[in-house]
Amino acid sequence: MEKDVLKEAVQVCLTINHENFDREYNGLLKAMQNLGLQKGLIITLNQSDTFEKNGMTIKMIPASEFLMDGI
């Protein structure tokens, strides 16, 4: 970990569904664009997926995976 260097934007949401996907995904994507980041992470209770757009990657992972990996 490098001090004072942003490497990834993180969004936390209990569950991603058709009602909140656009809000959570687009909000994180906008933050990544504004911060010049290529990677983003959505932490959920138990969902996983990967999304790519314009050279940016957003991974959706369960909170248990996030905590176990020590990210």
PDB file of N, CA and C in Angstrom:
ATOM      1  N   MET A   1       0.842  -1.188   0.000  1.00  0.00           N
ATOM      2  CA  MET A   1       0.000   0.000   0.000  1.00  0.00           C
ATOM      3  C   MET A   1       0.884   1.248   0.000  1.00  0.00           C
ATOM      4  N   GLU A   2       0.620   2.116  -0.911  1.00  0.00           N
ATOM      5  CA  GLU A   2       1.375   3.348  -0.996  1.00  0.00           C
ATOM      6  C   GLU A   2       0.608   4.469  -0.299  1.00  0.00           C
ATOM      7  N   LYS A   3       1.309   5.227   0.483  1.00  0.00           N
ATOM      8  CA  LYS A   3       0.693   6.319   1.221  1.00  0.00           C
ATOM      9  C   LYS A   3       0.203   7.411   0.259  1.00  0.00           C
ATOM     10  N   ASP A   4      -0.999   7.884   0.513  1.00  0.00           N
ATOM     11  CA  ASP A   4      -1.599   8.987  -0.238  1.00  0.00           C
ATOM     12  C   ASP A   4      -1.794   8.710  -1.726  1.00  0.00           C
ATOM     13  N   VAL A   5      -1.949   7.435  -2.106  1.00  0.00           N
ATOM     14  CA  VAL A   5      -2.185   7.081  -3.500  1.00  0.00           C
ATOM     15  C   VAL A   5      -3.519   6.341  -3.601  1.00  0.00           C
ATOM     16  N   LEU A   6      -4.459   6.920  -4.331  1.00  0.00           N
ATOM     17  CA  LEU A   6      -5.734   6.250  -4.562  1.00  0.00           C
ATOM     18  C   LEU A   6      -5.555   5.207  -5.653  1.00  0.00           C
ATOM     19  N   LYS A   7      -5.961   3.969  -5.362  1.00  0.00           N
ATOM     20  CA  LYS A   7      -5.823   2.903  -6.346  1.00  0.00           C
ATOM     21  C   LYS A   7      -7.157   2.341  -6.780  1.00  0.00           C
ATOM     22  N   GLU A   8      -8.186   2.504  -5.930  1.00  0.00           N
ATOM     23  CA  GLU A   8      -9.457   1.855  -6.202  1.00  0.00           C
ATOM     24  C   GLU A   8     -10.569   2.585  -5.452  1.00  0.00           C
ATOM     25  N   ALA A   9     -11.717   2.696  -6.102  1.00  0.00           N
ATOM     26  CA  ALA A   9     -12.900   3.259  -5.459  1.00  0.00           C
ATOM     27  C   ALA A   9     -13.767   2.102  -4.959  1.00  0.00           C
ATOM     28  N   VAL A  10     -14.400   2.291  -3.807  1.00  0.00           N
ATOM     29  CA  VAL A  10     -15.192   1.223  -3.199  1.00  0.00           C
ATOM     30  C   VAL A  10     -16.599   1.716  -2.893  1.00  0.00           C
ATOM     31  N   GLN A  11     -17.571   0.901  -3.268  1.00  0.00           N
ATOM     32  CA  GLN A  11     -18.991   1.146  -2.976  1.00  0.00           C
ATOM     33  C   GLN A  11     -19.491  -0.047  -2.171  1.00  0.00           C
ATOM     34  N   VAL A  12     -20.283   0.193  -1.137  1.00  0.00           N
ATOM     35  CA  VAL A  12     -20.825  -0.886  -0.313  1.00  0.00           C
ATOM     36  C   VAL A  12     -22.345  -0.839  -0.371  1.00  0.00           C
ATOM     37  N   CYS A  13     -22.947  -1.998  -0.640  1.00  0.00           N
ATOM     38  CA  CYS A  13     -24.399  -2.107  -0.729  1.00  0.00           C
ATOM     39  C   CYS A  13     -24.800  -3.518  -0.293  1.00  0.00           C
ATOM     40  N   LEU A  14     -25.801  -3.621   0.554  1.00  0.00           N
ATOM     41  CA  LEU A  14     -26.221  -4.925   1.061  1.00  0.00           C
ATOM     42  C   LEU A  14     -26.504  -5.896  -0.080  1.00  0.00           C
ATOM     43  N   THR A  15     -27.339  -5.483  -1.020  1.00  0.00           N
ATOM     44  CA  THR A  15     -27.717  -6.321  -2.155  1.00  0.00           C
ATOM     45  C   THR A  15     -27.895  -5.456  -3.392  1.00  0.00           C
ATOM     46  N   ILE A  16     -27.379  -5.922  -4.504  1.00  0.00           N
ATOM     47  CA  ILE A  16     -27.596  -5.248  -5.785  1.00  0.00           C
ATOM     48  C   ILE A  16     -28.755  -5.950  -6.482  1.00  0.00           C
ATOM     49  N   ASN A  17     -29.729  -5.151  -6.910  1.00  0.00           N
ATOM     50  CA  ASN A  17     -30.877  -5.704  -7.624  1.00  0.00           C
ATOM     51  C   ASN A  17     -31.256  -4.767  -8.762  1.00  0.00           C
ATOM     52  N   HIS A  18     -32.317  -5.101  -9.496  1.00  0.00           N
ATOM     53  CA  HIS A  18     -32.703  -4.290 -10.656  1.00  0.00           C
ATOM     54  C   HIS A  18     -33.137  -2.877 -10.261  1.00  0.00           C
ATOM     55  N   GLU A  19     -33.522  -2.673  -9.006  1.00  0.00           N
ATOM     56  CA  GLU A  19     -33.970  -1.358  -8.552  1.00  0.00           C
ATOM     57  C   GLU A  19     -32.816  -0.417  -8.203  1.00  0.00           C
ATOM     58  N   ASN A  20     -31.671  -0.965  -7.800  1.00  0.00           N
ATOM     59  CA  ASN A  20     -30.583  -0.087  -7.376  1.00  0.00           C
ATOM     60  C   ASN A  20     -29.293  -0.248  -8.191  1.00  0.00           C
ATOM     61  N   PHE A  21     -29.256  -1.166  -9.140  1.00  0.00           N
ATOM     62  CA  PHE A  21     -28.030  -1.408  -9.898  1.00  0.00           C
ATOM     63  C   PHE A  21     -27.512  -0.141 -10.578  1.00  0.00           C
ATOM     64  N   ASP A  22     -28.365   0.553 -11.312  1.00  0.00           N
ATOM     65  CA  ASP A  22     -27.926   1.745 -12.034  1.00  0.00           C
ATOM     66  C   ASP A  22     -27.340   2.785 -11.091  1.00  0.00           C
ATOM     67  N   ARG A  23     -27.980   3.017  -9.967  1.00  0.00           N
ATOM     68  CA  ARG A  23     -27.509   4.006  -8.998  1.00  0.00           C
ATOM     69  C   ARG A  23     -26.133   3.618  -8.452  1.00  0.00           C
ATOM     70  N   GLU A  24     -25.984   2.376  -8.010  1.00  0.00           N
ATOM     71  CA  GLU A  24     -24.726   1.937  -7.410  1.00  0.00           C
ATOM     72  C   GLU A  24     -23.604   1.854  -8.444  1.00  0.00           C
ATOM     73  N   TYR A  25     -23.879   1.259  -9.586  1.00  0.00           N
ATOM     74  CA  TYR A  25     -22.873   1.092 -10.638  1.00  0.00           C
ATOM     75  C   TYR A  25     -22.449   2.431 -11.222  1.00  0.00           C
ATOM     76  N   ASN A  26     -23.424   3.230 -11.632  1.00  0.00           N
ATOM     77  CA  ASN A  26     -23.099   4.508 -12.265  1.00  0.00           C
ATOM     78  C   ASN A  26     -22.438   5.482 -11.296  1.00  0.00           C
ATOM     79  N   GLY A  27     -22.837   5.437 -10.024  1.00  0.00           N
ATOM     80  CA  GLY A  27     -22.201   6.291  -9.016  1.00  0.00           C
ATOM     81  C   GLY A  27     -20.733   5.945  -8.851  1.00  0.00           C
ATOM     82  N   LEU A  28     -20.431   4.656  -8.799  1.00  0.00           N
ATOM     83  CA  LEU A  28     -19.045   4.215  -8.671  1.00  0.00           C
ATOM     84  C   LEU A  28     -18.256   4.530  -9.935  1.00  0.00           C
ATOM     85  N   LEU A  29     -18.850   4.306 -11.085  1.00  0.00           N
ATOM     86  CA  LEU A  29     -18.195   4.606 -12.356  1.00  0.00           C
ATOM     87  C   LEU A  29     -17.855   6.095 -12.447  1.00  0.00           C
ATOM     88  N   LYS A  30     -18.767   6.949 -12.046  1.00  0.00           N
ATOM     89  CA  LYS A  30     -18.542   8.402 -12.068  1.00  0.00           C
ATOM     90  C   LYS A  30     -17.397   8.781 -11.127  1.00  0.00           C
ATOM     91  N   ALA A  31     -17.378   8.182  -9.941  1.00  0.00           N
ATOM     92  CA  ALA A  31     -16.288   8.448  -8.987  1.00  0.00           C
ATOM     93  C   ALA A  31     -14.955   8.020  -9.579  1.00  0.00           C
ATOM     94  N   MET A  32     -14.932   6.852 -10.225  1.00  0.00           N
ATOM     95  CA  MET A  32     -13.703   6.364 -10.846  1.00  0.00           C
ATOM     96  C   MET A  32     -13.225   7.320 -11.941  1.00  0.00           C
ATOM     97  N   GLN A  33     -14.147   7.811 -12.745  1.00  0.00           N
ATOM     98  CA  GLN A  33     -13.796   8.746 -13.810  1.00  0.00           C
ATOM     99  C   GLN A  33     -13.239  10.038 -13.218  1.00  0.00           C
ATOM    100  N   ASN A  34     -13.903  10.559 -12.197  1.00  0.00           N
ATOM    101  CA  ASN A  34     -13.477  11.812 -11.576  1.00  0.00           C
ATOM    102  C   ASN A  34     -12.115  11.690 -10.900  1.00  0.00           C
ATOM    103  N   LEU A  35     -11.807  10.508 -10.368  1.00  0.00           N
ATOM    104  CA  LEU A  35     -10.551  10.291  -9.653  1.00  0.00           C
ATOM    105  C   LEU A  35      -9.453   9.703 -10.542  1.00  0.00           C
ATOM    106  N   GLY A  36      -9.783   9.398 -11.789  1.00  0.00           N
ATOM    107  CA  GLY A  36      -8.810   8.833 -12.711  1.00  0.00           C
ATOM    108  C   GLY A  36      -8.399   7.412 -12.348  1.00  0.00           C
ATOM    109  N   LEU A  37      -9.343   6.629 -11.840  1.00  0.00           N
ATOM    110  CA  LEU A  37      -9.064   5.256 -11.418  1.00  0.00           C
ATOM    111  C   LEU A  37      -9.540   4.255 -12.451  1.00  0.00           C
ATOM    112  N   GLN A  38      -8.832   3.142 -12.553  1.00  0.00           N
ATOM    113  CA  GLN A  38      -9.196   2.082 -13.488  1.00  0.00           C
ATOM    114  C   GLN A  38      -9.955   0.944 -12.821  1.00  0.00           C
ATOM    115  N   LYS A  39      -9.868   0.864 -11.486  1.00  0.00           N
ATOM    116  CA  LYS A  39     -10.498  -0.244 -10.767  1.00  0.00           C
ATOM    117  C   LYS A  39     -11.474   0.268  -9.716  1.00  0.00           C
ATOM    118  N   GLY A  40     -12.591  -0.447  -9.599  1.00  0.00           N
ATOM    119  CA  GLY A  40     -13.585  -0.146  -8.587  1.00  0.00           C
ATOM    120  C   GLY A  40     -14.112  -1.437  -7.995  1.00  0.00           C
ATOM    121  N   LEU A  41     -14.706  -1.325  -6.829  1.00  0.00           N
ATOM    122  CA  LEU A  41     -15.167  -2.495  -6.109  1.00  0.00           C
ATOM    123  C   LEU A  41     -16.526  -2.202  -5.486  1.00  0.00           C
ATOM    124  N   ILE A  42     -17.471  -3.111  -5.704  1.00  0.00           N
ATOM    125  CA  ILE A  42     -18.762  -3.049  -5.014  1.00  0.00           C
ATOM    126  C   ILE A  42     -18.783  -4.222  -4.048  1.00  0.00           C
ATOM    127  N   ILE A  43     -18.904  -3.929  -2.776  1.00  0.00           N
ATOM    128  CA  ILE A  43     -18.953  -4.969  -1.747  1.00  0.00           C
ATOM    129  C   ILE A  43     -20.405  -5.194  -1.370  1.00  0.00           C
ATOM    130  N   THR A  44     -20.844  -6.456  -1.442  1.00  0.00           N
ATOM    131  CA  THR A  44     -22.222  -6.816  -1.123  1.00  0.00           C
ATOM    132  C   THR A  44     -22.228  -7.921  -0.071  1.00  0.00           C
ATOM    133  N   LEU A  45     -23.408  -8.325   0.333  1.00  0.00           N
ATOM    134  CA  LEU A  45     -23.506  -9.401   1.306  1.00  0.00           C
ATOM    135  C   LEU A  45     -23.006 -10.721   0.720  1.00  0.00           C
ATOM    136  N   ASN A  46     -23.470 -11.069  -0.495  1.00  0.00           N
ATOM    137  CA  ASN A  46     -23.108 -12.384  -1.028  1.00  0.00           C
ATOM    138  C   ASN A  46     -23.118 -12.478  -2.560  1.00  0.00           C
ATOM    139  N   GLN A  47     -22.963 -11.371  -3.270  1.00  0.00           N
ATOM    140  CA  GLN A  47     -23.008 -11.397  -4.728  1.00  0.00           C
ATOM    141  C   GLN A  47     -21.613 -11.202  -5.315  1.00  0.00           C
ATOM    142  N   SER A  48     -21.422 -11.731  -6.517  1.00  0.00           N
ATOM    143  CA  SER A  48     -20.157 -11.494  -7.213  1.00  0.00           C
ATOM    144  C   SER A  48     -20.408 -11.386  -8.716  1.00  0.00           C
ATOM    145  N   ASP A  49     -19.619 -10.527  -9.352  1.00  0.00           N
ATOM    146  CA  ASP A  49     -19.709 -10.315 -10.788  1.00  0.00           C
ATOM    147  C   ASP A  49     -18.565  -9.381 -11.176  1.00  0.00           C
ATOM    148  N   THR A  50     -18.341  -9.211 -12.453  1.00  0.00           N
ATOM    149  CA  THR A  50     -17.344  -8.272 -12.953  1.00  0.00           C
ATOM    150  C   THR A  50     -17.933  -7.512 -14.118  1.00  0.00           C
ATOM    151  N   PHE A  51     -17.687  -6.209 -14.144  1.00  0.00           N
ATOM    152  CA  PHE A  51     -18.195  -5.336 -15.198  1.00  0.00           C
ATOM    153  C   PHE A  51     -17.024  -4.536 -15.763  1.00  0.00           C
ATOM    154  N   GLU A  52     -16.983  -4.388 -17.079  1.00  0.00           N
ATOM    155  CA  GLU A  52     -15.941  -3.601 -17.722  1.00  0.00           C
ATOM    156  C   GLU A  52     -16.583  -2.578 -18.653  1.00  0.00           C
ATOM    157  N   LYS A  53     -16.032  -1.361 -18.601  1.00  0.00           N
ATOM    158  CA  LYS A  53     -16.542  -0.305 -19.462  1.00  0.00           C
ATOM    159  C   LYS A  53     -15.431   0.725 -19.682  1.00  0.00           C
ATOM    160  N   ASN A  54     -15.157   1.033 -20.924  1.00  0.00           N
ATOM    161  CA  ASN A  54     -14.176   2.053 -21.286  1.00  0.00           C
ATOM    162  C   ASN A  54     -12.839   1.874 -20.574  1.00  0.00           C
ATOM    163  N   GLY A  55     -12.348   0.649 -20.493  1.00  0.00           N
ATOM    164  CA  GLY A  55     -11.062   0.391 -19.866  1.00  0.00           C
ATOM    165  C   GLY A  55     -11.075   0.367 -18.353  1.00  0.00           C
ATOM    166  N   MET A  56     -12.247   0.502 -17.762  1.00  0.00           N
ATOM    167  CA  MET A  56     -12.381   0.460 -16.309  1.00  0.00           C
ATOM    168  C   MET A  56     -13.042  -0.855 -15.906  1.00  0.00           C
ATOM    169  N   THR A  57     -12.637  -1.390 -14.764  1.00  0.00           N
ATOM    170  CA  THR A  57     -13.172  -2.648 -14.279  1.00  0.00           C
ATOM    171  C   THR A  57     -13.774  -2.461 -12.896  1.00  0.00           C
ATOM    172  N   ILE A  58     -15.008  -2.933 -12.741  1.00  0.00           N
ATOM    173  CA  ILE A  58     -15.683  -2.939 -11.443  1.00  0.00           C
ATOM    174  C   ILE A  58     -15.945  -4.392 -11.072  1.00  0.00           C
ATOM    175  N   LYS A  59     -15.422  -4.789  -9.918  1.00  0.00           N
ATOM    176  CA  LYS A  59     -15.679  -6.132  -9.402  1.00  0.00           C
ATOM    177  C   LYS A  59     -16.694  -6.020  -8.272  1.00  0.00           C
ATOM    178  N   MET A  60     -17.663  -6.911  -8.289  1.00  0.00           N
ATOM    179  CA  MET A  60     -18.630  -7.010  -7.199  1.00  0.00           C
ATOM    180  C   MET A  60     -18.279  -8.282  -6.432  1.00  0.00           C
ATOM    181  N   ILE A  61     -18.008  -8.142  -5.137  1.00  0.00           N
ATOM    182  CA  ILE A  61     -17.608  -9.299  -4.336  1.00  0.00           C
ATOM    183  C   ILE A  61     -18.362  -9.325  -3.013  1.00  0.00           C
ATOM    184  N   PRO A  62     -18.520 -10.518  -2.442  1.00  0.00           N
ATOM    185  CA  PRO A  62     -19.136 -10.635  -1.121  1.00  0.00           C
ATOM    186  C   PRO A  62     -18.222 -10.028  -0.042  1.00  0.00           C
ATOM    187  N   ALA A  63     -18.822  -9.496   0.999  1.00  0.00           N
ATOM    188  CA  ALA A  63     -18.067  -8.900   2.092  1.00  0.00           C
ATOM    189  C   ALA A  63     -17.102  -9.903   2.707  1.00  0.00           C
ATOM    190  N   SER A  64     -17.492 -11.159   2.796  1.00  0.00           N
ATOM    191  CA  SER A  64     -16.596 -12.164   3.385  1.00  0.00           C
ATOM    192  C   SER A  64     -15.310 -12.300   2.582  1.00  0.00           C
ATOM    193  N   GLU A  65     -15.399 -12.240   1.261  1.00  0.00           N
ATOM    194  CA  GLU A  65     -14.205 -12.316   0.412  1.00  0.00           C
ATOM    195  C   GLU A  65     -13.328 -11.095   0.619  1.00  0.00           C
ATOM    196  N   PHE A  66     -13.951  -9.935   0.676  1.00  0.00           N
ATOM    197  CA  PHE A  66     -13.224  -8.694   0.908  1.00  0.00           C
ATOM    198  C   PHE A  66     -12.457  -8.753   2.234  1.00  0.00           C
ATOM    199  N   LEU A  67     -13.119  -9.211   3.279  1.00  0.00           N
ATOM    200  CA  LEU A  67     -12.488  -9.290   4.592  1.00  0.00           C
ATOM    201  C   LEU A  67     -11.413 -10.361   4.669  1.00  0.00           C
ATOM    202  N   MET A  68     -11.631 -11.483   4.024  1.00  0.00           N
ATOM    203  CA  MET A  68     -10.650 -12.575   4.063  1.00  0.00           C
ATOM    204  C   MET A  68      -9.397 -12.253   3.259  1.00  0.00           C
ATOM    205  N   ASP A  69      -9.531 -11.489   2.183  1.00  0.00           N
ATOM    206  CA  ASP A  69      -8.383 -11.137   1.354  1.00  0.00           C
ATOM    207  C   ASP A  69      -7.550 -10.033   1.973  1.00  0.00           C
ATOM    208  N   GLY A  70      -8.090  -9.337   2.961  1.00  0.00           N
ATOM    209  CA  GLY A  70      -7.347  -8.266   3.606  1.00  0.00           C
ATOM    210  C   GLY A  70      -7.119  -7.089   2.702  1.00  0.00           C
ATOM    211  N   ILE A  71      -8.028  -6.869   1.760  1.00  0.00           N
ATOM    212  CA  ILE A  71      -7.905  -5.752   0.811  1.00  0.00           C
ATOM    213  C   ILE A  71      -8.101  -4.449   1.556  1.00  0.00           C
TER     214      ILE A  71
END
